[in-house]
Amino acid sequence: MDMSEAVIVKSSRLKSVVWNDFDRIKKGDTFVAVCRHCKKKLSGSSTSGTSHLRNHLIRCQRRSNQFISSSREKRKEATLAITNYVDPGPKKDDVLNLVNIGFNPEKLKEETSNTLSYNFDQRRSRFDLARMIILHGYPLAMVEHVGFRVFVKNLHPLFELVTCNKVETDCLEIYAKEKQKVNELLDKLPGKVSLSADMWTASDHQESAYLCLTAHYIDESWQLNKKVLNFMFVDPSHTEDLHSETIMTCLMDWDIDRKLFSMTFDCSSTSDYISLRIRDRLSQNRFLYCNGQLFDVSCAVDLLNLMAQDALEALCSILPKIRDSIQYIKQSREVQAKFNDMAEQGKVQSQKVLSLDNPAQWNLTYAMLGAAIEYREAFSRLQESDVGYTACPTEEEWSRSCTITGFLKFFFEVTNVLTKSNFPTANIFFPELCDVHLQLMEWFKNSDDYIKALAFKMRTKFEEYWDKCGLALAVSAILDPRFKMKLVEYYYPQIYGVVSQQRIDDVMNCVKALYNEHMICSPLASMDEGLAWQVGSSSGKDGRDRLMGFDKFLHEASESEGSKSDLEKYLEEPLFPRNAEFNVLNWWKVHSPRYPILSIMARNVLGIPMSKVASDCAFRTGRRVVDREWSSLKPATIEALVCSQDWIRSELES
């Protein structure tokens, strides 16, 4: 169309916002709408409406590119300058505040009308916000922070801002839905569930305590999993009896009291009493295997931490001197240079950096000691040449520090093996803790009475643990096809001496009893009756049904005189070669058809949490701490947030 004589029409009747992007041109009796971006001509007649113009704007490439660049500039102009802004908290005139600090509702409404339209879901967006808060541990009050509200309004004006109370309600609703999923998962598990109990404290109220119950299990794909089930406020005035009743109530609430295989607590007399009460309660209903011999487990890493703290306590008079020594040489460049000269004169070859420890994590104290000992000669020379330096340990103190640091080094290495394993199943603990047992026996032979007394103190703690957990450790090692009975037969003579054979027999008897109980409880135990019923009820509708008699014949043949059980076959076959990347669960997944009963037993035993400590807390000397932002909330809300966070994170990881 020749537009040479066309005239641009400006009329107050053109109300639609699409005319912001079109010129209405008249030539003769014809009206044309010309896109300001790509110059395309469309009908501009009043009878044509504006739908076709809107559709063009959606597809117009030039307009899209221009909108992106202009939107960036507009956002830059309309952004809240937070640098010097102090959040006054939520106020009644929030809307006025939003306008004053950069949010222009009319401007954004106009921009939104020009963008690609889509179905905005307020409810979904609100729950996405709640899930984000749960997942990342954000404070609930963030939804009332002015900066956040401006950001959301600039991001999408249609989103209706929520209050702190509303987002708390949304979090509780998410918790209820996620809990139902976990309930269904636990109900469908092919094996038993083991539980660990851990005490937490609040960051701002150290006297407040929370009990965290976590379920550990091996799923149908032979993957080791865990789920936080409860996170409950614990009244300090409650007795151990009340604590055990609280845990039993949780077990019944989740309907896993019949499915429980073991419970792992920390190493304390209080925990011993609670676990004993729960074990007695479950044993009365005959829910536990082997009369509960494998039920009560203490955390191995907690034990190592306690022994490490015993070692550091033995250095209580030496550690202040070492800390003061490090602070002294760090006080000025001159002293540091002088110390470096002393190190060079003493031919110190260490590349370690001297730094102060954090008493809340004993591995950092171990690192400080290790570095200081290597600079021992430099400290001694500095004391001789600098009258201001008076904190140098004596030769006897250095000697004892060397010995005890050797203890800490051993505990440090064992802790790393147990907490950083790619496959933290129960079988990896037995050889490591046997080595600890042997080391303690060796340390007790030290000629220094001070070191000998320390070794006796640590050995006493360890033997209390070993008496309780040694059997479960040995049984789990036997279910590792690289070791079977051979690892027990290797370590027990070193530990028990002349009575070792009796101890080995005790372990073997427990394994047989455990296997027999699994065989009785197995679905395969009723195969005779099941096959007989199927043969009797077969009506010949399917040719395969006629072979049920053949299945029965095969089963009877396998049970005939001279046939061997799963356990016997497993123990007689050669050991699987040892390698660093061996995954015991993959092995049992592949071999479960060959050992149908024993694989059920392996699933339950290998899922026992011999340690309840996360790798990032392995060396922490105190309890885990609830985040300050969450600890001020109601106990029911804290439980919902902590549990939901664990469930959502595990879902994302899987």
Foldseek 3Di string as FASTA:
>chain_A
DDCPVKDFDDDPVPPDLLVVQWTWIDDDNFIWTAGNFPRDIDGPDPVVDCPVSLVCLQVPPRNVVVLVVVLVVLCVVQAFDCPPDDFPWADPVLVVVLVVRRDDVVVVVSSVVSYDDDDDDQVVVLLVVLLVCLQVVNFLQVLGGSNVVNVVCSVPVVHDRDHSVVSLVSLLVLLVVLLVVVLVQQVPFPAFKEKEWAWAAAPVGRVKIWIWIKIWFQGPLLDTDIFTQWIFTDDPPDALVVVLVVVVVSCVVSVRLLRYEAYEYADDPSLVVSQVVSLVVSVVVPSYAPSCLQHYFYAPLNLLLVLLVLLVVLCVVQLVLLQVLLCVCVVDPVSVVLLVVLCVVVVQPDPDDADDADVQFSVRVLSNLVVCLSSLRSSVVCVVVPVVRDSRDDPVSSVSSVVSSVVVVLSVVLLCCQFVAPANWLQVNQVSLLVVLLVLVVQCPDPPVSSNVSSVVSNVSSVVNCVRNVLLNQLLNLLQLQQNLNVLVVRQCSNPPPCSVVVSVVSVVSNVSSLVVLCCVPPVVCVLVVLVVLLVPDPPPDPVSPCSVVVNVVVVVCVDPPHDALVVVSNPDHGDDDDSPDHSSVVLSVCCVVHVSVSNVNRSSRRHNSHPDHPVCSRGSDGHHDDNSLVVDDRVSSGSSVSSNRSVVVVVVD
